[in-house]
Amino acid sequence: GDLRLLWLEKNPDQAKIAAVQKEIRSLRDRLEDKRTAHQIEVLKIL
């Protein structure tokens, strides 16, 4: 949502947009790691 608002500014700030995008990618990576660990734990039960 913050990223959408940054893009809608009259003069979008590239540095701010890049920082938010980087943080989103970091969160996506952390989620992916947690999902992988969860799937491995489920497989161990089978």
All heavy atoms as atom14 arrays in JSON, in Angstrom:
{
  "sequence": "GDLRLLWLEKNPDQAKIAAVQKEIRSLRDRLEDKRTAHQIEVLKIL",
  "atom14_mask": [
    [1, 1, 1, 1, 0, 0, 0, 0, 0, 0, 0, 0, 0, 0],
    [1, 1, 1, 1, 1, 1, 1, 1, 0, 0, 0, 0, 0, 0],
    [1, 1, 1, 1, 1, 1, 1, 1, 0, 0, 0, 0, 0, 0],
    [1, 1, 1, 1, 1, 1, 1, 1, 1, 1, 1, 0, 0, 0],
    [1, 1, 1, 1, 1, 1, 1, 1, 0, 0, 0, 0, 0, 0],
    [1, 1, 1, 1, 1, 1, 1, 1, 0, 0, 0, 0, 0, 0],
    [1, 1, 1, 1, 1, 1, 1, 1, 1, 1, 1, 1, 1, 1],
    [1, 1, 1, 1, 1, 1, 1, 1, 0, 0, 0, 0, 0, 0],
    [1, 1, 1, 1, 1, 1, 1, 1, 1, 0, 0, 0, 0, 0],
    [1, 1, 1, 1, 1, 1, 1, 1, 1, 0, 0, 0, 0, 0],
    [1, 1, 1, 1, 1, 1, 1, 1, 0, 0, 0, 0, 0, 0],
    [1, 1, 1, 1, 1, 1, 1, 0, 0, 0, 0, 0, 0, 0],
    [1, 1, 1, 1, 1, 1, 1, 1, 0, 0, 0, 0, 0, 0],
    [1, 1, 1, 1, 1, 1, 1, 1, 1, 0, 0, 0, 0, 0],
    [1, 1, 1, 1, 1, 0, 0, 0, 0, 0, 0, 0, 0, 0],
    [1, 1, 1, 1, 1, 1, 1, 1, 1, 0, 0, 0, 0, 0],
    [1, 1, 1, 1, 1, 1, 1, 1, 0, 0, 0, 0, 0, 0],
    [1, 1, 1, 1, 1, 0, 0, 0, 0, 0, 0, 0, 0, 0],
    [1, 1, 1, 1, 1, 0, 0, 0, 0, 0, 0, 0, 0, 0],
    [1, 1, 1, 1, 1, 1, 1, 0, 0, 0, 0, 0, 0, 0],
    [1, 1, 1, 1, 1, 1, 1, 1, 1, 0, 0, 0, 0, 0],
    [1, 1, 1, 1, 1, 1, 1, 1, 1, 0, 0, 0, 0, 0],
    [1, 1, 1, 1, 1, 1, 1, 1, 1, 0, 0, 0, 0, 0],
    [1, 1, 1, 1, 1, 1, 1, 1, 0, 0, 0, 0, 0, 0],
    [1, 1, 1, 1, 1, 1, 1, 1, 1, 1, 1, 0, 0, 0],
    [1, 1, 1, 1, 1, 1, 0, 0, 0, 0, 0, 0, 0, 0],
    [1, 1, 1, 1, 1, 1, 1, 1, 0, 0, 0, 0, 0, 0],
    [1, 1, 1, 1, 1, 1, 1, 1, 1, 1, 1, 0, 0, 0],
    [1, 1, 1, 1, 1, 1, 1, 1, 0, 0, 0, 0, 0, 0],
    [1, 1, 1, 1, 1, 1, 1, 1, 1, 1, 1, 0, 0, 0],
    [1, 1, 1, 1, 1, 1, 1, 1, 0, 0, 0, 0, 0, 0],
    [1, 1, 1, 1, 1, 1, 1, 1, 1, 0, 0, 0, 0, 0],
    [1, 1, 1, 1, 1, 1, 1, 1, 0, 0, 0, 0, 0, 0],
    [1, 1, 1, 1, 1, 1, 1, 1, 1, 0, 0, 0, 0, 0],
    [1, 1, 1, 1, 1, 1, 1, 1, 1, 1, 1, 0, 0, 0],
    [1, 1, 1, 1, 1, 1, 1, 0, 0, 0, 0, 0, 0, 0],
    [1, 1, 1, 1, 1, 0, 0, 0, 0, 0, 0, 0, 0, 0],
    [1, 1, 1, 1, 1, 1, 1, 1, 1, 1, 0, 0, 0, 0],
    [1, 1, 1, 1, 1, 1, 1, 1, 1, 0, 0, 0, 0, 0],
    [1, 1, 1, 1, 1, 1, 1, 1, 0, 0, 0, 0, 0, 0],
    [1, 1, 1, 1, 1, 1, 1, 1, 1, 0, 0, 0, 0, 0],
    [1, 1, 1, 1, 1, 1, 1, 0, 0, 0, 0, 0, 0, 0],
    [1, 1, 1, 1, 1, 1, 1, 1, 0, 0, 0, 0, 0, 0],
    [1, 1, 1, 1, 1, 1, 1, 1, 1, 0, 0, 0, 0, 0],
    [1, 1, 1, 1, 1, 1, 1, 1, 0, 0, 0, 0, 0, 0],
    [1, 1, 1, 1, 1, 1, 1, 1, 0, 0, 0, 0, 0, 0]
  ],
  "atom14_positions": [
    [[0.83, -1.21, 0.0], [0.0, 0.0, 0.0], [0.86, 1.25, 0.0], [0.58, 2.21, -0.74], [0.0, 0.0, 0.0], [0.0, 0.0, 0.0], [0.0, 0.0, 0.0], [0.0, 0.0, 0.0], [0.0, 0.0, 0.0], [0.0, 0.0, 0.0], [0.0, 0.0, 0.0], [0.0, 0.0, 0.0], [0.0, 0.0, 0.0], [0.0, 0.0, 0.0]],
    [[1.91, 1.23, 0.81], [2.84, 2.37, 0.84], [3.48, 2.57, -0.53], [3.64, 3.71, -0.99], [3.95, 2.14, 1.88], [3.44, 2.1, 3.31], [2.28, 2.51, 3.54], [4.19, 1.65, 4.19], [0.0, 0.0, 0.0], [0.0, 0.0, 0.0], [0.0, 0.0, 0.0], [0.0, 0.0, 0.0], [0.0, 0.0, 0.0], [0.0, 0.0, 0.0]],
    [[3.84, 1.47, -1.17], [4.47, 1.56, -2.49], [3.51, 2.18, -3.5], [3.92, 3.04, -4.3], [4.91, 0.16, -2.94], [5.66, 0.08, -4.26], [6.96, 0.88, -4.21], [5.96, -1.38, -4.6], [0.0, 0.0, 0.0], [0.0, 0.0, 0.0], [0.0, 0.0, 0.0], [0.0, 0.0, 0.0], [0.0, 0.0, 0.0], [0.0, 0.0, 0.0]],
    [[2.26, 1.77, -3.46], [1.27, 2.37, -4.37], [1.18, 3.88, -4.15], [1.12, 4.65, -5.1], [-0.1, 1.73, -4.15], [-0.26, 0.46, -4.9], [-1.7, -0.04, -4.81], [-1.63, -1.48, -4.61], [-1.88, -2.11, -3.49], [-2.29, -1.46, -2.43], [-1.75, -3.41, -3.4], [0.0, 0.0, 0.0], [0.0, 0.0, 0.0], [0.0, 0.0, 0.0]],
    [[1.17, 4.29, -2.88], [1.09, 5.72, -2.58], [2.33, 6.47, -3.06], [2.22, 7.59, -3.57], [0.9, 5.93, -1.08], [-0.45, 5.48, -0.51], [-0.47, 5.63, 1.01], [-1.6, 6.24, -1.15], [0.0, 0.0, 0.0], [0.0, 0.0, 0.0], [0.0, 0.0, 0.0], [0.0, 0.0, 0.0], [0.0, 0.0, 0.0], [0.0, 0.0, 0.0]],
    [[3.49, 5.85, -2.91], [4.72, 6.49, -3.4], [4.67, 6.7, -4.91], [5.1, 7.74, -5.42], [5.95, 5.65, -3.03], [6.35, 5.67, -1.56], [7.44, 4.63, -1.28], [6.83, 7.07, -1.16], [0.0, 0.0, 0.0], [0.0, 0.0, 0.0], [0.0, 0.0, 0.0], [0.0, 0.0, 0.0], [0.0, 0.0, 0.0], [0.0, 0.0, 0.0]],
    [[4.14, 5.72, -5.62], [4.04, 5.84, -7.08], [3.01, 6.9, -7.48], [3.11, 7.47, -8.57], [3.67, 4.5, -7.71], [4.87, 3.65, -7.97], [5.25, 2.54, -7.29], [5.86, 3.84, -8.98], [6.4, 2.02, -7.81], [6.8, 2.81, -8.86], [6.04, 4.79, -9.97], [7.91, 2.7, -9.7], [7.13, 4.68, -10.82], [8.07, 3.64, -10.68]],
    [[2.04, 7.17, -6.65], [1.0, 8.14, -6.98], [1.38, 9.57, -6.63], [0.64, 10.5, -6.96], [-0.31, 7.76, -6.28], [-0.96, 6.48, -6.79], [-2.17, 6.12, -5.94], [-1.35, 6.61, -8.25], [0.0, 0.0, 0.0], [0.0, 0.0, 0.0], [0.0, 0.0, 0.0], [0.0, 0.0, 0.0], [0.0, 0.0, 0.0], [0.0, 0.0, 0.0]],
    [[2.53, 9.75, -5.98], [2.97, 11.11, -5.66], [3.22, 11.89, -6.95], [3.53, 11.31, -8.0], [4.25, 11.07, -4.82], [4.01, 10.61, -3.4], [5.29, 10.59, -2.58], [6.38, 10.87, -3.12], [5.19, 10.28, -1.38], [0.0, 0.0, 0.0], [0.0, 0.0, 0.0], [0.0, 0.0, 0.0], [0.0, 0.0, 0.0], [0.0, 0.0, 0.0]],
    [[3.1, 13.2, -6.84], [3.3, 14.06, -8.02], [4.69, 13.84, -8.62], [4.84, 13.74, -9.83], [3.1, 15.52, -7.63], [3.14, 16.46, -8.79], [2.81, 17.88, -8.38], [2.84, 18.79, -9.6], [2.49, 20.16, -9.24], [0.0, 0.0, 0.0], [0.0, 0.0, 0.0], [0.0, 0.0, 0.0], [0.0, 0.0, 0.0], [0.0, 0.0, 0.0]],
    [[5.7, 13.76, -7.75], [7.07, 13.49, -8.2], [7.59, 12.28, -7.42], [8.19, 12.44, -6.35], [7.98, 14.7, -7.94], [7.58, 15.9, -8.76], [7.38, 15.77, -9.96], [7.45, 17.05, -8.12], [0.0, 0.0, 0.0], [0.0, 0.0, 0.0], [0.0, 0.0, 0.0], [0.0, 0.0, 0.0], [0.0, 0.0, 0.0], [0.0, 0.0, 0.0]],
    [[7.36, 11.07, -7.94], [7.79, 9.86, -7.21], [9.29, 9.87, -6.91], [10.1, 10.22, -7.76], [7.44, 8.72, -8.17], [6.41, 9.29, -9.08], [6.72, 10.75, -9.2], [0.0, 0.0, 0.0], [0.0, 0.0, 0.0], [0.0, 0.0, 0.0], [0.0, 0.0, 0.0], [0.0, 0.0, 0.0], [0.0, 0.0, 0.0], [0.0, 0.0, 0.0]],
    [[9.62, 9.53, -5.67], [11.01, 9.5, -5.22], [11.57, 8.1, -5.47], [11.18, 7.13, -4.81], [11.06, 9.86, -3.74], [12.47, 9.94, -3.19], [13.37, 9.24, -3.71], [12.67, 10.69, -2.22], [0.0, 0.0, 0.0], [0.0, 0.0, 0.0], [0.0, 0.0, 0.0], [0.0, 0.0, 0.0], [0.0, 0.0, 0.0], [0.0, 0.0, 0.0]],
    [[12.5, 8.01, -6.4], [13.06, 6.71, -6.79], [13.72, 6.0, -5.62], [13.58, 4.79, -5.45], [14.05, 6.87, -7.94], [14.59, 5.55, -8.43], [15.51, 5.72, -9.63], [15.72, 6.83, -10.13], [16.07, 4.62, -10.09], [0.0, 0.0, 0.0], [0.0, 0.0, 0.0], [0.0, 0.0, 0.0], [0.0, 0.0, 0.0], [0.0, 0.0, 0.0]],
    [[14.42, 6.74, -4.79], [15.12, 6.13, -3.66], [14.13, 5.52, -2.66], [14.34, 4.41, -2.17], [16.01, 7.15, -2.97], [0.0, 0.0, 0.0], [0.0, 0.0, 0.0], [0.0, 0.0, 0.0], [0.0, 0.0, 0.0], [0.0, 0.0, 0.0], [0.0, 0.0, 0.0], [0.0, 0.0, 0.0], [0.0, 0.0, 0.0], [0.0, 0.0, 0.0]],
    [[13.05, 6.24, -2.37], [12.04, 5.71, -1.45], [11.36, 4.48, -2.03], [11.14, 3.49, -1.32], [10.99, 6.78, -1.13], [11.45, 7.89, -0.22], [10.32, 8.88, 0.03], [10.77, 10.05, 0.88], [9.69, 11.03, 1.06], [0.0, 0.0, 0.0], [0.0, 0.0, 0.0], [0.0, 0.0, 0.0], [0.0, 0.0, 0.0], [0.0, 0.0, 0.0]],
    [[11.03, 4.55, -3.32], [10.39, 3.41, -3.98], [11.31, 2.19, -3.95], [10.88, 1.08, -3.62], [9.98, 3.77, -5.42], [8.82, 4.78, -5.38], [9.62, 2.54, -6.23], [8.48, 5.4, -6.73], [0.0, 0.0, 0.0], [0.0, 0.0, 0.0], [0.0, 0.0, 0.0], [0.0, 0.0, 0.0], [0.0, 0.0, 0.0], [0.0, 0.0, 0.0]],
    [[12.58, 2.4, -4.26], [13.54, 1.29, -4.27], [13.68, 0.69, -2.87], [13.78, -0.53, -2.72], [14.89, 1.78, -4.79], [0.0, 0.0, 0.0], [0.0, 0.0, 0.0], [0.0, 0.0, 0.0], [0.0, 0.0, 0.0], [0.0, 0.0, 0.0], [0.0, 0.0, 0.0], [0.0, 0.0, 0.0], [0.0, 0.0, 0.0], [0.0, 0.0, 0.0]],
    [[13.68, 1.54, -1.84], [13.82, 1.04, -0.47], [12.61, 0.19, -0.07], [12.78, -0.88, 0.54], [13.99, 2.21, 0.5], [0.0, 0.0, 0.0], [0.0, 0.0, 0.0], [0.0, 0.0, 0.0], [0.0, 0.0, 0.0], [0.0, 0.0, 0.0], [0.0, 0.0, 0.0], [0.0, 0.0, 0.0], [0.0, 0.0, 0.0], [0.0, 0.0, 0.0]],
    [[11.42, 0.62, -0.43], [10.22, -0.15, -0.1], [10.2, -1.46, -0.88], [9.88, -2.52, -0.33], [8.94, 0.69, -0.35], [7.69, -0.17, -0.2], [8.88, 1.88, 0.61], [0.0, 0.0, 0.0], [0.0, 0.0, 0.0], [0.0, 0.0, 0.0], [0.0, 0.0, 0.0], [0.0, 0.0, 0.0], [0.0, 0.0, 0.0], [0.0, 0.0, 0.0]],
    [[10.57, -1.41, -2.16], [10.63, -2.63, -2.97], [11.64, -3.62, -2.38], [11.38, -4.82, -2.34], [11.0, -2.3, -4.41], [9.88, -1.63, -5.17], [10.3, -1.19, -6.56], [11.47, -0.88, -6.8], [9.34, -1.14, -7.45], [0.0, 0.0, 0.0], [0.0, 0.0, 0.0], [0.0, 0.0, 0.0], [0.0, 0.0, 0.0], [0.0, 0.0, 0.0]],
    [[12.76, -3.12, -1.91], [13.77, -3.98, -1.31], [13.23, -4.64, -0.04], [13.46, -5.84, 0.19], [15.03, -3.16, -0.99], [16.17, -3.98, -0.44], [17.41, -3.12, -0.22], [18.55, -3.96, 0.31], [19.76, -3.18, 0.5], [0.0, 0.0, 0.0], [0.0, 0.0, 0.0], [0.0, 0.0, 0.0], [0.0, 0.0, 0.0], [0.0, 0.0, 0.0]],
    [[12.51, -3.88, 0.76], [11.93, -4.43, 1.98], [10.87, -5.49, 1.66], [10.78, -6.52, 2.33], [11.34, -3.31, 2.84], [11.01, -3.77, 4.24], [10.61, -2.61, 5.16], [10.72, -1.43, 4.77], [10.19, -2.91, 6.29], [0.0, 0.0, 0.0], [0.0, 0.0, 0.0], [0.0, 0.0, 0.0], [0.0, 0.0, 0.0], [0.0, 0.0, 0.0]],
    [[10.08, -5.25, 0.63], [9.07, -6.23, 0.2], [9.76, -7.52, -0.25], [9.34, -8.62, 0.12], [8.18, -5.66, -0.92], [7.25, -4.58, -0.35], [7.36, -6.77, -1.6], [6.47, -3.8, -1.41], [0.0, 0.0, 0.0], [0.0, 0.0, 0.0], [0.0, 0.0, 0.0], [0.0, 0.0, 0.0], [0.0, 0.0, 0.0], [0.0, 0.0, 0.0]],
    [[10.83, -7.4, -1.03], [11.57, -8.6, -1.47], [12.14, -9.36, -0.27], [12.12, -10.58, -0.23], [12.69, -8.21, -2.44], [12.2, -7.9, -3.84], [13.35, -7.79, -4.84], [14.37, -6.84, -4.45], [14.32, -5.53, -4.76], [13.3, -5.03, -5.42], [15.3, -4.73, -4.39], [0.0, 0.0, 0.0], [0.0, 0.0, 0.0], [0.0, 0.0, 0.0]],
    [[12.64, -8.63, 0.71], [13.18, -9.26, 1.9], [12.1, -10.04, 2.65], [12.33, -11.18, 3.08], [13.8, -8.19, 2.81], [14.16, -8.75, 4.04], [0.0, 0.0, 0.0], [0.0, 0.0, 0.0], [0.0, 0.0, 0.0], [0.0, 0.0, 0.0], [0.0, 0.0, 0.0], [0.0, 0.0, 0.0], [0.0, 0.0, 0.0], [0.0, 0.0, 0.0]],
    [[10.94, -9.44, 2.79], [9.82, -10.13, 3.45], [9.39, -11.35, 2.65], [9.1, -12.4, 3.22], [8.64, -9.17, 3.62], [8.79, -8.13, 4.71], [7.66, -7.1, 4.63], [8.82, -8.77, 6.08], [0.0, 0.0, 0.0], [0.0, 0.0, 0.0], [0.0, 0.0, 0.0], [0.0, 0.0, 0.0], [0.0, 0.0, 0.0], [0.0, 0.0, 0.0]],
    [[9.35, -11.22, 1.33], [8.98, -12.34, 0.48], [9.96, -13.5, 0.66], [9.55, -14.66, 0.74], [8.99, -11.88, -0.98], [7.84, -12.37, -1.77], [7.9, -11.87, -3.19], [6.9, -10.83, -3.35], [6.91, -9.9, -4.26], [7.91, -9.82, -5.11], [5.96, -9.02, -4.34], [0.0, 0.0, 0.0], [0.0, 0.0, 0.0], [0.0, 0.0, 0.0]],
    [[11.25, -13.18, 0.74], [12.27, -14.22, 0.96], [12.08, -14.89, 2.31], [12.19, -16.12, 2.42], [13.68, -13.62, 0.87], [14.08, -13.25, -0.54], [13.41, -13.69, -1.5], [15.07, -12.51, -0.69], [0.0, 0.0, 0.0], [0.0, 0.0, 0.0], [0.0, 0.0, 0.0], [0.0, 0.0, 0.0], [0.0, 0.0, 0.0], [0.0, 0.0, 0.0]],
    [[11.8, -14.11, 3.35], [11.58, -14.69, 4.68], [10.35, -15.58, 4.69], [10.37, -16.67, 5.29], [11.46, -13.57, 5.72], [12.79, -12.87, 5.97], [12.67, -11.67, 6.87], [12.06, -11.98, 8.16], [11.57, -11.07, 8.99], [11.62, -9.79, 8.67], [11.04, -11.43, 10.14], [0.0, 0.0, 0.0], [0.0, 0.0, 0.0], [0.0, 0.0, 0.0]],
    [[9.29, -15.15, 4.02], [8.08, -15.97, 3.92], [8.37, -17.28, 3.19], [7.92, -18.35, 3.61], [6.97, -15.21, 3.2], [6.2, -14.2, 4.03], [5.35, -13.3, 3.13], [5.32, -14.9, 5.04], [0.0, 0.0, 0.0], [0.0, 0.0, 0.0], [0.0, 0.0, 0.0], [0.0, 0.0, 0.0], [0.0, 0.0, 0.0], [0.0, 0.0, 0.0]],
    [[9.12, -17.19, 2.12], [9.48, -18.38, 1.34], [10.27, -19.37, 2.21], [10.02, -20.57, 2.19], [10.3, -17.97, 0.12], [10.67, -19.1, -0.8], [9.53, -19.49, -1.72], [8.56, -18.74, -1.85], [9.63, -20.59, -2.31], [0.0, 0.0, 0.0], [0.0, 0.0, 0.0], [0.0, 0.0, 0.0], [0.0, 0.0, 0.0], [0.0, 0.0, 0.0]],
    [[11.22, -18.85, 2.97], [12.01, -19.71, 3.86], [11.12, -20.39, 4.9], [11.28, -21.59, 5.18], [13.1, -18.9, 4.57], [14.18, -18.41, 3.62], [14.27, -18.92, 2.48], [14.93, -17.49, 4.01], [0.0, 0.0, 0.0], [0.0, 0.0, 0.0], [0.0, 0.0, 0.0], [0.0, 0.0, 0.0], [0.0, 0.0, 0.0], [0.0, 0.0, 0.0]],
    [[10.19, -19.64, 5.47], [9.3, -20.21, 6.49], [8.35, -21.23, 5.87], [8.06, -22.26, 6.48], [8.53, -19.1, 7.19], [9.43, -18.28, 8.1], [8.67, -17.23, 8.87], [9.57, -16.4, 9.74], [10.32, -17.13, 10.73], [0.0, 0.0, 0.0], [0.0, 0.0, 0.0], [0.0, 0.0, 0.0], [0.0, 0.0, 0.0], [0.0, 0.0, 0.0]],
    [[7.88, -20.98, 4.66], [7.0, -21.93, 3.99], [7.75, -23.22, 3.66], [7.19, -24.32, 3.8], [6.42, -21.31, 2.73], [5.38, -20.26, 3.02], [4.88, -19.63, 1.75], [3.9, -18.6, 2.06], [3.8, -17.44, 1.44], [4.63, -17.16, 0.45], [2.89, -16.58, 1.79], [0.0, 0.0, 0.0], [0.0, 0.0, 0.0], [0.0, 0.0, 0.0]],
    [[8.98, -23.09, 3.23], [9.79, -24.28, 2.93], [10.01, -25.1, 4.19], [9.84, -26.32, 4.19], [11.14, -23.86, 2.31], [10.87, -23.17, 1.09], [12.01, -25.06, 2.04], [0.0, 0.0, 0.0], [0.0, 0.0, 0.0], [0.0, 0.0, 0.0], [0.0, 0.0, 0.0], [0.0, 0.0, 0.0], [0.0, 0.0, 0.0], [0.0, 0.0, 0.0]],
    [[10.37, -24.43, 5.28], [10.57, -25.14, 6.55], [9.29, -25.83, 7.01], [9.33, -26.97, 7.48], [11.06, -24.16, 7.63], [0.0, 0.0, 0.0], [0.0, 0.0, 0.0], [0.0, 0.0, 0.0], [0.0, 0.0, 0.0], [0.0, 0.0, 0.0], [0.0, 0.0, 0.0], [0.0, 0.0, 0.0], [0.0, 0.0, 0.0], [0.0, 0.0, 0.0]],
    [[8.16, -25.16, 6.82], [6.88, -25.75, 7.2], [6.6, -27.01, 6.37], [6.21, -28.04, 6.91], [5.75, -24.74, 7.0], [4.38, -25.33, 7.1], [3.86, -25.8, 8.28], [3.44, -25.55, 6.16], [2.65, -26.27, 8.06], [2.37, -26.13, 6.78], [0.0, 0.0, 0.0], [0.0, 0.0, 0.0], [0.0, 0.0, 0.0], [0.0, 0.0, 0.0]],
    [[6.82, -26.92, 5.08], [6.56, -28.08, 4.23], [7.46, -29.25, 4.6], [7.02, -30.4, 4.64], [6.75, -27.72, 2.75], [6.35, -28.87, 1.85], [6.01, -28.44, 0.45], [5.72, -27.29, 0.21], [6.03, -29.37, -0.46], [0.0, 0.0, 0.0], [0.0, 0.0, 0.0], [0.0, 0.0, 0.0], [0.0, 0.0, 0.0], [0.0, 0.0, 0.0]],
    [[8.72, -28.98, 4.9], [9.65, -30.05, 5.31], [9.15, -30.7, 6.61], [9.18, -31.93, 6.75], [11.08, -29.5, 5.49], [11.64, -28.99, 4.17], [12.0, -30.53, 6.13], [11.85, -30.03, 3.1], [0.0, 0.0, 0.0], [0.0, 0.0, 0.0], [0.0, 0.0, 0.0], [0.0, 0.0, 0.0], [0.0, 0.0, 0.0], [0.0, 0.0, 0.0]],
    [[8.68, -29.9, 7.56], [8.17, -30.43, 8.82], [6.94, -31.32, 8.6], [6.79, -32.35, 9.23], [7.85, -29.3, 9.81], [9.08, -28.61, 10.36], [10.04, -29.57, 11.05], [9.6, -30.36, 11.9], [11.24, -29.54, 10.72], [0.0, 0.0, 0.0], [0.0, 0.0, 0.0], [0.0, 0.0, 0.0], [0.0, 0.0, 0.0], [0.0, 0.0, 0.0]],
    [[6.08, -30.9, 7.69], [4.9, -31.71, 7.38], [5.32, -33.03, 6.75], [4.81, -34.1, 7.11], [3.92, -30.95, 6.46], [2.83, -31.87, 5.93], [3.3, -29.77, 7.22], [0.0, 0.0, 0.0], [0.0, 0.0, 0.0], [0.0, 0.0, 0.0], [0.0, 0.0, 0.0], [0.0, 0.0, 0.0], [0.0, 0.0, 0.0], [0.0, 0.0, 0.0]],
    [[6.28, -32.98, 5.83], [6.74, -34.2, 5.18], [7.35, -35.19, 6.18], [7.23, -36.4, 6.01], [7.75, -33.88, 4.08], [7.17, -33.25, 2.81], [8.29, -32.81, 1.88], [6.22, -34.19, 2.12], [0.0, 0.0, 0.0], [0.0, 0.0, 0.0], [0.0, 0.0, 0.0], [0.0, 0.0, 0.0], [0.0, 0.0, 0.0], [0.0, 0.0, 0.0]],
    [[7.97, -34.68, 7.24], [8.57, -35.55, 8.26], [7.51, -36.37, 9.01], [7.82, -37.42, 9.56], [9.37, -34.72, 9.27], [10.66, -34.16, 8.71], [11.35, -33.3, 9.76], [12.62, -32.69, 9.23], [13.26, -31.81, 10.23], [0.0, 0.0, 0.0], [0.0, 0.0, 0.0], [0.0, 0.0, 0.0], [0.0, 0.0, 0.0], [0.0, 0.0, 0.0]],
    [[6.29, -35.88, 9.03], [5.21, -36.58, 9.73], [4.71, -37.78, 8.92], [4.21, -38.74, 9.47], [4.06, -35.59, 10.04], [4.54, -34.55, 11.04], [2.82, -36.3, 10.53], [3.57, -33.4, 11.26], [0.0, 0.0, 0.0], [0.0, 0.0, 0.0], [0.0, 0.0, 0.0], [0.0, 0.0, 0.0], [0.0, 0.0, 0.0], [0.0, 0.0, 0.0]],
    [[4.9, -37.72, 7.61], [4.38, -38.76, 6.73], [5.29, -39.99, 6.71], [6.5, -39.88, 6.88], [4.24, -38.21, 5.31], [3.39, -36.96, 5.13], [3.4, -36.52, 3.68], [1.97, -37.19, 5.62], [0.0, 0.0, 0.0], [0.0, 0.0, 0.0], [0.0, 0.0, 0.0], [0.0, 0.0, 0.0], [0.0, 0.0, 0.0], [0.0, 0.0, 0.0]]
  ]
}
